[in-house]
Amino acid sequence: EEYMNQGKLLLGQEKYNEAIDSFKKAEKINNLNIDLYVYKGICFANLDETDNAKNEFSKALKINKAEGVVYFHLGNIEILQGNKAKGIEYYNNAIASGFDDAQVYFSLGLMNEEEGNIDTALRNYSKAIIKDSNRPDIRIRKVRLLIVSKMFMEAVQCLDELILSNPDVFEGYHLKNLVLIEMGKYQEAETVLSNAICLFP
């Protein structure tokens, strides 16, 4: 437990090699602790040692094949290695195994958007927002896709939600101003801009 805590602390400090050493010491005492393989995998991923990371996550799955967070990390590794289809498969396995985090839906949305699957991407962004309504980056990504798709009414609605939940995020006002101009609603756009100038002088 001490080695695990030390490893997690070092991981948080981005001292990945030192963290791996601590997790290896923990492994010698208890090699059935799934968390140590997950943390070791994260360390290797941050060191760009993707094959070593994948190996650690695979060890974790040998202990518990239904550990959703492991599938999520494996999905990240596959994406880093350019295997998008395999990455998406792992993300879906993560969800099926109960990993219901906003990030997995956000990552799926990014992959779908890249593949040109706009409707699926928007659905995944919406699911991510439901899971974590306080993350402005997800709403902003969804809005940008709505704008590109010329779904301006939906974009304004999403921006209103962004401004309501994160009033200190400048991009919400900036993007709403641009969308309203695109819609020809110049007076509303000017009001949004005036509010933004007051908030962000």
N, C-alpha and C. Protein backbone atom coordinates (compact mmCIF):
# COMPACT_ATOMS: atom_id res chain seq x y z
N GLU A 1 0.84 -1.21 0.00
CA GLU A 1 0.00 0.00 0.00
C GLU A 1 0.88 1.26 0.00
N GLU A 2 1.96 1.22 0.75
CA GLU A 2 2.87 2.38 0.80
C GLU A 2 3.52 2.61 -0.57
N TYR A 3 3.95 1.50 -1.21
CA TYR A 3 4.56 1.63 -2.54
C TYR A 3 3.54 2.16 -3.55
N MET A 4 2.29 1.71 -3.41
CA MET A 4 1.23 2.19 -4.33
C MET A 4 0.99 3.69 -4.14
N ASN A 5 0.90 4.11 -2.89
CA ASN A 5 0.67 5.54 -2.60
C ASN A 5 1.83 6.39 -3.09
N GLN A 6 3.04 5.88 -2.88
CA GLN A 6 4.23 6.60 -3.34
C GLN A 6 4.22 6.70 -4.87
N GLY A 7 3.87 5.60 -5.53
CA GLY A 7 3.81 5.58 -6.99
C GLY A 7 2.78 6.56 -7.53
N LYS A 8 1.61 6.60 -6.89
CA LYS A 8 0.56 7.52 -7.34
C LYS A 8 0.98 8.98 -7.16
N LEU A 9 1.68 9.24 -6.05
CA LEU A 9 2.18 10.60 -5.80
C LEU A 9 3.19 11.00 -6.87
N LEU A 10 4.10 10.10 -7.19
CA LEU A 10 5.11 10.37 -8.22
C LEU A 10 4.48 10.51 -9.60
N LEU A 11 3.46 9.72 -9.86
CA LEU A 11 2.72 9.84 -11.12
C LEU A 11 2.09 11.23 -11.23
N GLY A 12 1.48 11.68 -10.13
CA GLY A 12 0.88 13.02 -10.11
C GLY A 12 1.90 14.12 -10.32
N GLN A 13 3.16 13.86 -9.93
CA GLN A 13 4.24 14.83 -10.11
C GLN A 13 4.94 14.66 -11.46
N GLU A 14 4.41 13.76 -12.29
CA GLU A 14 4.95 13.48 -13.63
C GLU A 14 6.36 12.90 -13.58
N LYS A 15 6.68 12.25 -12.46
CA LYS A 15 7.96 11.53 -12.34
C LYS A 15 7.69 10.06 -12.67
N TYR A 16 7.53 9.80 -13.96
CA TYR A 16 6.99 8.52 -14.40
C TYR A 16 7.93 7.35 -14.15
N ASN A 17 9.22 7.52 -14.40
CA ASN A 17 10.16 6.41 -14.18
C ASN A 17 10.24 6.03 -12.70
N GLU A 18 10.26 7.06 -11.84
CA GLU A 18 10.30 6.78 -10.40
C GLU A 18 9.01 6.10 -9.95
N ALA A 19 7.88 6.54 -10.54
CA ALA A 19 6.59 5.93 -10.20
C ALA A 19 6.57 4.46 -10.60
N ILE A 20 7.09 4.16 -11.78
CA ILE A 20 7.14 2.77 -12.25
C ILE A 20 7.95 1.92 -11.28
N ASP A 21 9.07 2.46 -10.78
CA ASP A 21 9.89 1.72 -9.81
C ASP A 21 9.09 1.38 -8.56
N SER A 22 8.29 2.34 -8.09
CA SER A 22 7.47 2.10 -6.90
C SER A 22 6.41 1.03 -7.16
N PHE A 23 5.78 1.12 -8.33
CA PHE A 23 4.75 0.12 -8.67
C PHE A 23 5.36 -1.27 -8.84
N LYS A 24 6.59 -1.34 -9.34
CA LYS A 24 7.27 -2.64 -9.47
C LYS A 24 7.53 -3.25 -8.08
N LYS A 25 7.89 -2.40 -7.11
CA LYS A 25 8.09 -2.88 -5.74
C LYS A 25 6.78 -3.41 -5.16
N ALA A 26 5.69 -2.70 -5.45
CA ALA A 26 4.37 -3.16 -5.00
C ALA A 26 4.01 -4.49 -5.64
N GLU A 27 4.37 -4.63 -6.92
CA GLU A 27 4.05 -5.85 -7.68
C GLU A 27 4.73 -7.07 -7.08
N LYS A 28 5.95 -6.88 -6.56
CA LYS A 28 6.68 -8.00 -5.96
C LYS A 28 5.96 -8.53 -4.71
N ILE A 29 5.22 -7.65 -4.05
CA ILE A 29 4.50 -8.03 -2.84
C ILE A 29 3.12 -8.60 -3.17
N ASN A 30 2.45 -7.97 -4.14
CA ASN A 30 1.10 -8.41 -4.53
C ASN A 30 0.93 -8.19 -6.04
N ASN A 31 1.04 -9.27 -6.80
CA ASN A 31 0.94 -9.14 -8.26
C ASN A 31 -0.49 -9.32 -8.77
N LEU A 32 -1.46 -9.29 -7.86
CA LEU A 32 -2.87 -9.41 -8.27
C LEU A 32 -3.63 -8.09 -8.06
N ASN A 33 -2.89 -7.03 -7.83
CA ASN A 33 -3.51 -5.70 -7.65
C ASN A 33 -3.67 -5.06 -9.02
N ILE A 34 -4.90 -4.97 -9.48
CA ILE A 34 -5.17 -4.48 -10.83
C ILE A 34 -4.76 -3.03 -11.01
N ASP A 35 -4.85 -2.24 -9.93
CA ASP A 35 -4.54 -0.81 -10.03
C ASP A 35 -3.07 -0.57 -10.39
N LEU A 36 -2.18 -1.41 -9.87
CA LEU A 36 -0.76 -1.15 -10.15
C LEU A 36 -0.44 -1.31 -11.63
N TYR A 37 -1.13 -2.23 -12.31
CA TYR A 37 -0.91 -2.40 -13.75
C TYR A 37 -1.51 -1.23 -14.54
N VAL A 38 -2.66 -0.74 -14.05
CA VAL A 38 -3.29 0.42 -14.70
C VAL A 38 -2.37 1.64 -14.56
N TYR A 39 -1.86 1.88 -13.34
CA TYR A 39 -0.99 3.04 -13.12
C TYR A 39 0.34 2.91 -13.87
N LYS A 40 0.89 1.69 -13.89
CA LYS A 40 2.12 1.47 -14.64
C LYS A 40 1.87 1.74 -16.13
N GLY A 41 0.74 1.28 -16.62
CA GLY A 41 0.39 1.52 -18.03
C GLY A 41 0.29 3.00 -18.34
N ILE A 42 -0.32 3.76 -17.42
CA ILE A 42 -0.46 5.21 -17.61
C ILE A 42 0.93 5.87 -17.64
N CYS A 43 1.81 5.40 -16.75
CA CYS A 43 3.19 5.95 -16.73
C CYS A 43 3.89 5.69 -18.06
N PHE A 44 3.81 4.45 -18.54
CA PHE A 44 4.46 4.11 -19.82
C PHE A 44 3.85 4.91 -20.97
N ALA A 45 2.53 5.10 -20.93
CA ALA A 45 1.87 5.89 -21.99
C ALA A 45 2.39 7.32 -22.00
N ASN A 46 2.58 7.88 -20.81
CA ASN A 46 3.10 9.26 -20.72
C ASN A 46 4.56 9.36 -21.14
N LEU A 47 5.27 8.23 -21.10
CA LEU A 47 6.66 8.18 -21.57
C LEU A 47 6.74 7.82 -23.06
N ASP A 48 5.55 7.74 -23.71
CA ASP A 48 5.45 7.35 -25.13
C ASP A 48 5.96 5.93 -25.38
N GLU A 49 5.95 5.12 -24.34
CA GLU A 49 6.29 3.70 -24.50
C GLU A 49 4.99 2.91 -24.61
N THR A 50 4.35 3.05 -25.78
CA THR A 50 2.99 2.53 -25.95
C THR A 50 2.90 1.01 -25.87
N ASP A 51 3.92 0.32 -26.38
CA ASP A 51 3.89 -1.15 -26.31
C ASP A 51 3.97 -1.64 -24.87
N ASN A 52 4.83 -1.00 -24.07
CA ASN A 52 4.92 -1.35 -22.64
C ASN A 52 3.60 -1.03 -21.93
N ALA A 53 3.00 0.10 -22.30
CA ALA A 53 1.71 0.48 -21.70
C ALA A 53 0.65 -0.57 -22.01
N LYS A 54 0.60 -0.96 -23.27
CA LYS A 54 -0.39 -1.96 -23.70
C LYS A 54 -0.18 -3.27 -22.95
N ASN A 55 1.08 -3.63 -22.73
CA ASN A 55 1.41 -4.86 -22.01
C ASN A 55 0.88 -4.82 -20.57
N GLU A 56 1.04 -3.66 -19.93
CA GLU A 56 0.55 -3.51 -18.54
C GLU A 56 -0.97 -3.59 -18.49
N PHE A 57 -1.64 -2.93 -19.42
CA PHE A 57 -3.11 -2.97 -19.43
C PHE A 57 -3.61 -4.38 -19.71
N SER A 58 -2.88 -5.11 -20.55
CA SER A 58 -3.26 -6.50 -20.84
C SER A 58 -3.14 -7.36 -19.58
N LYS A 59 -2.12 -7.10 -18.76
CA LYS A 59 -1.97 -7.82 -17.48
C LYS A 59 -3.17 -7.55 -16.58
N ALA A 60 -3.63 -6.29 -16.58
CA ALA A 60 -4.79 -5.93 -15.76
C ALA A 60 -6.02 -6.71 -16.19
N LEU A 61 -6.19 -6.89 -17.51
CA LEU A 61 -7.36 -7.61 -18.02
C LEU A 61 -7.30 -9.09 -17.68
N LYS A 62 -6.09 -9.63 -17.51
CA LYS A 62 -5.96 -11.04 -17.11
C LYS A 62 -6.51 -11.25 -15.70
N ILE A 63 -6.44 -10.19 -14.88
CA ILE A 63 -6.98 -10.27 -13.52
C ILE A 63 -8.49 -10.08 -13.54
N ASN A 64 -8.95 -9.14 -14.36
CA ASN A 64 -10.40 -8.87 -14.45
C ASN A 64 -10.75 -8.42 -15.86
N LYS A 65 -11.40 -9.28 -16.61
CA LYS A 65 -11.74 -8.98 -18.01
C LYS A 65 -12.87 -7.96 -18.13
N ALA A 66 -13.53 -7.66 -17.02
CA ALA A 66 -14.66 -6.74 -17.06
C ALA A 66 -14.31 -5.38 -16.48
N GLU A 67 -13.03 -5.03 -16.45
CA GLU A 67 -12.60 -3.74 -15.89
C GLU A 67 -12.65 -2.67 -16.98
N GLY A 68 -13.71 -1.87 -16.99
CA GLY A 68 -13.95 -0.92 -18.06
C GLY A 68 -12.86 0.11 -18.26
N VAL A 69 -12.27 0.60 -17.16
CA VAL A 69 -11.24 1.64 -17.27
C VAL A 69 -10.02 1.13 -18.05
N VAL A 70 -9.74 -0.17 -17.97
CA VAL A 70 -8.61 -0.74 -18.70
C VAL A 70 -8.87 -0.69 -20.20
N TYR A 71 -10.09 -1.04 -20.60
CA TYR A 71 -10.45 -0.96 -22.02
C TYR A 71 -10.33 0.48 -22.53
N PHE A 72 -10.70 1.43 -21.67
CA PHE A 72 -10.59 2.84 -22.06
C PHE A 72 -9.13 3.21 -22.34
N HIS A 73 -8.24 2.81 -21.44
CA HIS A 73 -6.82 3.13 -21.64
C HIS A 73 -6.25 2.39 -22.85
N LEU A 74 -6.68 1.16 -23.06
CA LEU A 74 -6.24 0.43 -24.25
C LEU A 74 -6.72 1.13 -25.52
N GLY A 75 -7.94 1.66 -25.46
CA GLY A 75 -8.46 2.44 -26.59
C GLY A 75 -7.58 3.64 -26.89
N ASN A 76 -7.16 4.33 -25.83
CA ASN A 76 -6.27 5.49 -26.00
C ASN A 76 -4.96 5.09 -26.68
N ILE A 77 -4.39 3.95 -26.24
CA ILE A 77 -3.13 3.47 -26.82
C ILE A 77 -3.30 3.15 -28.30
N GLU A 78 -4.39 2.46 -28.63
CA GLU A 78 -4.63 2.10 -30.04
C GLU A 78 -4.77 3.36 -30.90
N ILE A 79 -5.45 4.36 -30.37
CA ILE A 79 -5.59 5.63 -31.11
C ILE A 79 -4.22 6.27 -31.32
N LEU A 80 -3.39 6.27 -30.27
CA LEU A 80 -2.04 6.83 -30.37
C LEU A 80 -1.21 6.10 -31.42
N GLN A 81 -1.46 4.80 -31.55
CA GLN A 81 -0.71 3.99 -32.51
C GLN A 81 -1.34 4.01 -33.91
N GLY A 82 -2.42 4.79 -34.05
CA GLY A 82 -3.05 4.95 -35.36
C GLY A 82 -4.08 3.89 -35.71
N ASN A 83 -4.46 3.07 -34.72
CA ASN A 83 -5.45 2.02 -34.96
C ASN A 83 -6.84 2.49 -34.50
N LYS A 84 -7.47 3.35 -35.30
CA LYS A 84 -8.73 3.98 -34.88
C LYS A 84 -9.84 2.97 -34.65
N ALA A 85 -9.98 2.02 -35.57
CA ALA A 85 -11.07 1.04 -35.46
C ALA A 85 -10.94 0.23 -34.17
N LYS A 86 -9.71 -0.18 -33.87
CA LYS A 86 -9.47 -0.95 -32.64
C LYS A 86 -9.69 -0.06 -31.42
N GLY A 87 -9.30 1.21 -31.52
CA GLY A 87 -9.52 2.14 -30.42
C GLY A 87 -10.99 2.31 -30.11
N ILE A 88 -11.79 2.49 -31.15
CA ILE A 88 -13.25 2.64 -30.97
C ILE A 88 -13.84 1.37 -30.38
N GLU A 89 -13.34 0.23 -30.83
CA GLU A 89 -13.82 -1.06 -30.29
C GLU A 89 -13.55 -1.14 -28.78
N TYR A 90 -12.35 -0.73 -28.38
CA TYR A 90 -12.03 -0.74 -26.95
C TYR A 90 -12.88 0.26 -26.16
N TYR A 91 -13.13 1.43 -26.73
CA TYR A 91 -13.99 2.41 -26.06
C TYR A 91 -15.39 1.82 -25.84
N ASN A 92 -15.92 1.15 -26.85
CA ASN A 92 -17.23 0.52 -26.72
C ASN A 92 -17.22 -0.60 -25.68
N ASN A 93 -16.09 -1.34 -25.62
CA ASN A 93 -15.94 -2.38 -24.59
C ASN A 93 -15.92 -1.75 -23.20
N ALA A 94 -15.27 -0.58 -23.10
CA ALA A 94 -15.21 0.13 -21.82
C ALA A 94 -16.61 0.48 -21.34
N ILE A 95 -17.42 1.01 -22.25
CA ILE A 95 -18.81 1.39 -21.90
C ILE A 95 -19.61 0.15 -21.51
N ALA A 96 -19.44 -0.92 -22.31
CA ALA A 96 -20.17 -2.18 -22.04
C ALA A 96 -19.77 -2.78 -20.69
N SER A 97 -18.54 -2.48 -20.25
CA SER A 97 -18.04 -3.00 -18.96
C SER A 97 -18.31 -2.06 -17.80
N GLY A 98 -19.09 -1.00 -18.06
CA GLY A 98 -19.51 -0.13 -16.97
C GLY A 98 -18.70 1.14 -16.78
N PHE A 99 -17.71 1.38 -17.67
CA PHE A 99 -16.95 2.64 -17.56
C PHE A 99 -17.76 3.74 -18.25
N ASP A 100 -18.44 4.51 -17.42
CA ASP A 100 -19.45 5.45 -17.92
C ASP A 100 -18.97 6.90 -17.76
N ASP A 101 -17.70 7.13 -18.01
CA ASP A 101 -17.10 8.44 -17.79
C ASP A 101 -17.31 9.34 -19.01
N ALA A 102 -17.36 10.65 -18.77
CA ALA A 102 -17.55 11.61 -19.87
C ALA A 102 -16.46 11.48 -20.92
N GLN A 103 -15.22 11.20 -20.47
CA GLN A 103 -14.09 11.20 -21.40
C GLN A 103 -14.22 10.13 -22.48
N VAL A 104 -14.79 8.99 -22.15
CA VAL A 104 -14.91 7.93 -23.17
C VAL A 104 -15.88 8.35 -24.27
N TYR A 105 -16.96 9.03 -23.89
CA TYR A 105 -17.92 9.51 -24.89
C TYR A 105 -17.31 10.66 -25.71
N PHE A 106 -16.55 11.51 -25.02
CA PHE A 106 -15.88 12.61 -25.72
C PHE A 106 -14.88 12.06 -26.74
N SER A 107 -14.11 11.07 -26.32
CA SER A 107 -13.13 10.45 -27.23
C SER A 107 -13.83 9.78 -28.41
N LEU A 108 -14.93 9.11 -28.14
CA LEU A 108 -15.71 8.50 -29.24
C LEU A 108 -16.24 9.56 -30.19
N GLY A 109 -16.70 10.67 -29.61
CA GLY A 109 -17.18 11.78 -30.43
C GLY A 109 -16.09 12.32 -31.35
N LEU A 110 -14.89 12.48 -30.81
CA LEU A 110 -13.76 12.95 -31.62
C LEU A 110 -13.46 12.00 -32.77
N MET A 111 -13.47 10.70 -32.46
CA MET A 111 -13.20 9.69 -33.50
C MET A 111 -14.28 9.71 -34.58
N ASN A 112 -15.54 9.77 -34.14
CA ASN A 112 -16.65 9.81 -35.10
C ASN A 112 -16.61 11.06 -35.96
N GLU A 113 -16.28 12.19 -35.34
CA GLU A 113 -16.18 13.44 -36.08
C GLU A 113 -15.08 13.35 -37.14
N GLU A 114 -13.95 12.77 -36.74
CA GLU A 114 -12.83 12.60 -37.67
C GLU A 114 -13.21 11.71 -38.85
N GLU A 115 -14.06 10.73 -38.58
CA GLU A 115 -14.49 9.80 -39.63
C GLU A 115 -15.64 10.37 -40.46
N GLY A 116 -16.14 11.55 -40.07
CA GLY A 116 -17.23 12.17 -40.81
C GLY A 116 -18.62 11.70 -40.39
N ASN A 117 -18.70 10.97 -39.27
CA ASN A 117 -20.00 10.50 -38.75
C ASN A 117 -20.57 11.56 -37.81
N ILE A 118 -21.12 12.62 -38.41
CA ILE A 118 -21.51 13.81 -37.65
C ILE A 118 -22.58 13.51 -36.61
N ASP A 119 -23.65 12.81 -37.01
CA ASP A 119 -24.75 12.54 -36.08
C ASP A 119 -24.28 11.73 -34.88
N THR A 120 -23.45 10.71 -35.15
CA THR A 120 -22.94 9.87 -34.07
C THR A 120 -22.01 10.68 -33.16
N ALA A 121 -21.20 11.53 -33.77
CA ALA A 121 -20.31 12.39 -32.99
C ALA A 121 -21.11 13.29 -32.06
N LEU A 122 -22.14 13.92 -32.59
CA LEU A 122 -22.98 14.82 -31.78
C LEU A 122 -23.66 14.07 -30.64
N ARG A 123 -24.12 12.85 -30.92
CA ARG A 123 -24.76 12.04 -29.87
C ARG A 123 -23.77 11.74 -28.75
N ASN A 124 -22.53 11.40 -29.14
CA ASN A 124 -21.52 11.10 -28.12
C ASN A 124 -21.13 12.33 -27.32
N TYR A 125 -21.03 13.49 -27.99
CA TYR A 125 -20.75 14.73 -27.25
C TYR A 125 -21.88 15.02 -26.26
N SER A 126 -23.12 14.79 -26.68
CA SER A 126 -24.27 15.02 -25.80
C SER A 126 -24.22 14.11 -24.59
N LYS A 127 -23.85 12.85 -24.81
CA LYS A 127 -23.73 11.90 -23.70
C LYS A 127 -22.61 12.34 -22.75
N ALA A 128 -21.50 12.82 -23.32
CA ALA A 128 -20.39 13.30 -22.49
C ALA A 128 -20.81 14.48 -21.64
N ILE A 129 -21.60 15.38 -22.21
CA ILE A 129 -22.09 16.55 -21.47
C ILE A 129 -23.00 16.12 -20.32
N ILE A 130 -23.84 15.12 -20.57
CA ILE A 130 -24.72 14.61 -19.51
C ILE A 130 -23.90 14.05 -18.35
N LYS A 131 -22.80 13.36 -18.70
CA LYS A 131 -21.95 12.75 -17.67
C LYS A 131 -21.14 13.79 -16.89
N ASP A 132 -20.76 14.87 -17.56
CA ASP A 132 -19.99 15.93 -16.88
C ASP A 132 -20.37 17.28 -17.48
N SER A 133 -21.38 17.88 -16.90
CA SER A 133 -21.93 19.13 -17.45
C SER A 133 -21.04 20.34 -17.17
N ASN A 134 -19.99 20.17 -16.36
CA ASN A 134 -19.13 21.29 -16.01
C ASN A 134 -17.89 21.42 -16.89
N ARG A 135 -17.75 20.52 -17.88
CA ARG A 135 -16.58 20.59 -18.75
C ARG A 135 -16.88 21.44 -19.99
N PRO A 136 -16.37 22.66 -20.04
CA PRO A 136 -16.68 23.53 -21.18
C PRO A 136 -16.09 23.04 -22.50
N ASP A 137 -14.97 22.31 -22.44
CA ASP A 137 -14.32 21.86 -23.69
C ASP A 137 -15.22 20.95 -24.51
N ILE A 138 -16.05 20.15 -23.83
CA ILE A 138 -16.95 19.24 -24.56
C ILE A 138 -18.03 20.04 -25.28
N ARG A 139 -18.63 21.00 -24.56
CA ARG A 139 -19.68 21.82 -25.18
C ARG A 139 -19.10 22.62 -26.35
N ILE A 140 -17.89 23.16 -26.18
CA ILE A 140 -17.28 23.96 -27.25
C ILE A 140 -17.04 23.11 -28.49
N ARG A 141 -16.57 21.89 -28.28
CA ARG A 141 -16.34 20.99 -29.41
C ARG A 141 -17.65 20.68 -30.13
N LYS A 142 -18.70 20.43 -29.34
CA LYS A 142 -20.01 20.15 -29.93
C LYS A 142 -20.51 21.35 -30.72
N VAL A 143 -20.36 22.54 -30.15
CA VAL A 143 -20.81 23.77 -30.82
C VAL A 143 -20.08 23.97 -32.14
N ARG A 144 -18.77 23.77 -32.13
CA ARG A 144 -17.99 23.96 -33.37
C ARG A 144 -18.47 23.01 -34.47
N LEU A 145 -18.82 21.79 -34.08
CA LEU A 145 -19.33 20.83 -35.06
C LEU A 145 -20.72 21.25 -35.55
N LEU A 146 -21.54 21.75 -34.65
CA LEU A 146 -22.87 22.25 -35.04
C LEU A 146 -22.75 23.42 -36.01
N ILE A 147 -21.78 24.30 -35.76
CA ILE A 147 -21.58 25.46 -36.64
C ILE A 147 -21.15 25.00 -38.03
N VAL A 148 -20.18 24.09 -38.08
CA VAL A 148 -19.70 23.56 -39.36
C VAL A 148 -20.86 22.89 -40.13
N SER A 149 -21.76 22.25 -39.37
CA SER A 149 -22.91 21.57 -39.97
C SER A 149 -24.08 22.52 -40.24
N LYS A 150 -23.86 23.83 -39.97
CA LYS A 150 -24.86 24.88 -40.16
C LYS A 150 -26.14 24.62 -39.35
N MET A 151 -25.98 24.00 -38.19
CA MET A 151 -27.10 23.77 -37.27
C MET A 151 -27.07 24.89 -36.23
N PHE A 152 -27.42 26.11 -36.69
CA PHE A 152 -27.20 27.30 -35.88
C PHE A 152 -28.11 27.39 -34.66
N MET A 153 -29.37 27.01 -34.80
CA MET A 153 -30.29 27.06 -33.66
C MET A 153 -29.81 26.15 -32.53
N GLU A 154 -29.39 24.94 -32.92
CA GLU A 154 -28.87 23.98 -31.93
C GLU A 154 -27.59 24.52 -31.29
N ALA A 155 -26.76 25.19 -32.10
CA ALA A 155 -25.52 25.77 -31.59
C ALA A 155 -25.81 26.85 -30.55
N VAL A 156 -26.78 27.71 -30.83
CA VAL A 156 -27.15 28.78 -29.89
C VAL A 156 -27.66 28.18 -28.58
N GLN A 157 -28.48 27.13 -28.68
CA GLN A 157 -29.00 26.47 -27.48
C GLN A 157 -27.86 25.90 -26.64
N CYS A 158 -26.92 25.24 -27.30
CA CYS A 158 -25.77 24.66 -26.60
C CYS A 158 -24.90 25.76 -25.98
N LEU A 159 -24.76 26.89 -26.68
CA LEU A 159 -23.97 28.01 -26.16
C LEU A 159 -24.64 28.66 -24.96
N ASP A 160 -25.97 28.75 -25.00
CA ASP A 160 -26.70 29.27 -23.84
C ASP A 160 -26.44 28.41 -22.60
N GLU A 161 -26.43 27.08 -22.82
CA GLU A 161 -26.15 26.15 -21.72
C GLU A 161 -24.70 26.32 -21.23
N LEU A 162 -23.78 26.53 -22.18
CA LEU A 162 -22.38 26.73 -21.82
C LEU A 162 -22.20 27.99 -20.98
N ILE A 163 -22.83 29.09 -21.42
CA ILE A 163 -22.72 30.37 -20.70
C ILE A 163 -23.35 30.26 -19.32
N LEU A 164 -24.45 29.51 -19.22
CA LEU A 164 -25.13 29.33 -17.94
C LEU A 164 -24.28 28.50 -16.98
N SER A 165 -23.67 27.43 -17.48
CA SER A 165 -22.90 26.53 -16.61
C SER A 165 -21.47 27.02 -16.38
N ASN A 166 -20.92 27.75 -17.35
CA ASN A 166 -19.54 28.25 -17.24
C ASN A 166 -19.47 29.71 -17.69
N PRO A 167 -20.02 30.62 -16.88
CA PRO A 167 -20.08 32.03 -17.30
C PRO A 167 -18.72 32.71 -17.44
N ASP A 168 -17.67 32.09 -16.92
CA ASP A 168 -16.34 32.69 -16.99
C ASP A 168 -15.53 32.19 -18.19
N VAL A 169 -16.17 31.41 -19.08
CA VAL A 169 -15.48 30.90 -20.27
C VAL A 169 -15.77 31.83 -21.45
N PHE A 170 -14.75 32.54 -21.91
CA PHE A 170 -14.90 33.56 -22.94
C PHE A 170 -15.44 32.99 -24.26
N GLU A 171 -15.02 31.77 -24.61
CA GLU A 171 -15.38 31.20 -25.91
C GLU A 171 -16.89 31.11 -26.11
N GLY A 172 -17.65 30.93 -25.02
CA GLY A 172 -19.10 30.84 -25.13
C GLY A 172 -19.70 32.09 -25.75
N TYR A 173 -19.26 33.26 -25.28
CA TYR A 173 -19.76 34.54 -25.79
C TYR A 173 -19.23 34.78 -27.21
N HIS A 174 -17.97 34.48 -27.41
CA HIS A 174 -17.35 34.69 -28.73
C HIS A 174 -18.08 33.88 -29.80
N LEU A 175 -18.29 32.59 -29.52
CA LEU A 175 -18.95 31.72 -30.51
C LEU A 175 -20.41 32.10 -30.70
N LYS A 176 -21.08 32.48 -29.61
CA LYS A 176 -22.49 32.88 -29.75
C LYS A 176 -22.62 34.12 -30.61
N ASN A 177 -21.70 35.06 -30.43
CA ASN A 177 -21.68 36.27 -31.25
C ASN A 177 -21.54 35.91 -32.73
N LEU A 178 -20.60 35.00 -33.04
CA LEU A 178 -20.37 34.59 -34.44
C LEU A 178 -21.59 33.90 -35.04
N VAL A 179 -22.21 33.02 -34.24
CA VAL A 179 -23.40 32.29 -34.73
C VAL A 179 -24.55 33.25 -35.00
N LEU A 180 -24.78 34.18 -34.07
CA LEU A 180 -25.88 35.14 -34.26
C LEU A 180 -25.65 36.02 -35.49
N ILE A 181 -24.41 36.41 -35.75
CA ILE A 181 -24.09 37.18 -36.97
C ILE A 181 -24.40 36.33 -38.20
N GLU A 182 -24.00 35.05 -38.15
CA GLU A 182 -24.26 34.13 -39.26
C GLU A 182 -25.77 33.99 -39.52
N MET A 183 -26.56 34.10 -38.44
CA MET A 183 -28.02 33.98 -38.55
C MET A 183 -28.66 35.32 -38.93
N GLY A 184 -27.87 36.38 -38.99
CA GLY A 184 -28.41 37.70 -39.33
C GLY A 184 -29.05 38.40 -38.14
N LYS A 185 -28.82 37.91 -36.93
CA LYS A 185 -29.39 38.51 -35.72
C LYS A 185 -28.36 39.46 -35.11
N TYR A 186 -28.18 40.60 -35.79
CA TYR A 186 -27.09 41.50 -35.46
C TYR A 186 -27.27 42.20 -34.12
N GLN A 187 -28.50 42.56 -33.79
CA GLN A 187 -28.73 43.26 -32.52
C GLN A 187 -28.45 42.33 -31.34
N GLU A 188 -28.90 41.07 -31.46
CA GLU A 188 -28.61 40.09 -30.40
C GLU A 188 -27.11 39.85 -30.29
N ALA A 189 -26.44 39.80 -31.44
CA ALA A 189 -24.99 39.59 -31.45
C ALA A 189 -24.28 40.74 -30.74
N GLU A 190 -24.77 41.95 -30.98
CA GLU A 190 -24.16 43.12 -30.34
C GLU A 190 -24.35 43.09 -28.83
N THR A 191 -25.52 42.62 -28.38
CA THR A 191 -25.79 42.51 -26.95
C THR A 191 -24.83 41.50 -26.30
N VAL A 192 -24.65 40.36 -26.98
CA VAL A 192 -23.73 39.34 -26.47
C VAL A 192 -22.32 39.92 -26.37
N LEU A 193 -21.92 40.65 -27.41
CA LEU A 193 -20.58 41.24 -27.43
C LEU A 193 -20.41 42.28 -26.33
N SER A 194 -21.43 43.09 -26.10
CA SER A 194 -21.38 44.09 -25.03
C SER A 194 -21.23 43.42 -23.66
N ASN A 195 -21.98 42.34 -23.46
CA ASN A 195 -21.86 41.59 -22.19
C ASN A 195 -20.46 41.02 -22.03
N ALA A 196 -19.92 40.50 -23.14
CA ALA A 196 -18.56 39.91 -23.08
C ALA A 196 -17.53 40.97 -22.75
N ILE A 197 -17.68 42.17 -23.32
CA ILE A 197 -16.72 43.25 -23.06
C ILE A 197 -16.76 43.65 -21.58
N CYS A 198 -17.96 43.65 -21.00
CA CYS A 198 -18.09 43.97 -19.57
C CYS A 198 -17.42 42.90 -18.69
N LEU A 199 -17.61 41.64 -19.09
CA LEU A 199 -17.06 40.53 -18.30
C LEU A 199 -15.56 40.34 -18.52
N PHE A 200 -15.12 40.62 -19.74
CA PHE A 200 -13.71 40.37 -20.09
C PHE A 200 -13.10 41.66 -20.70
N PRO A 201 -12.93 42.70 -19.87
CA PRO A 201 -12.46 43.98 -20.40
C PRO A 201 -11.06 43.90 -21.00
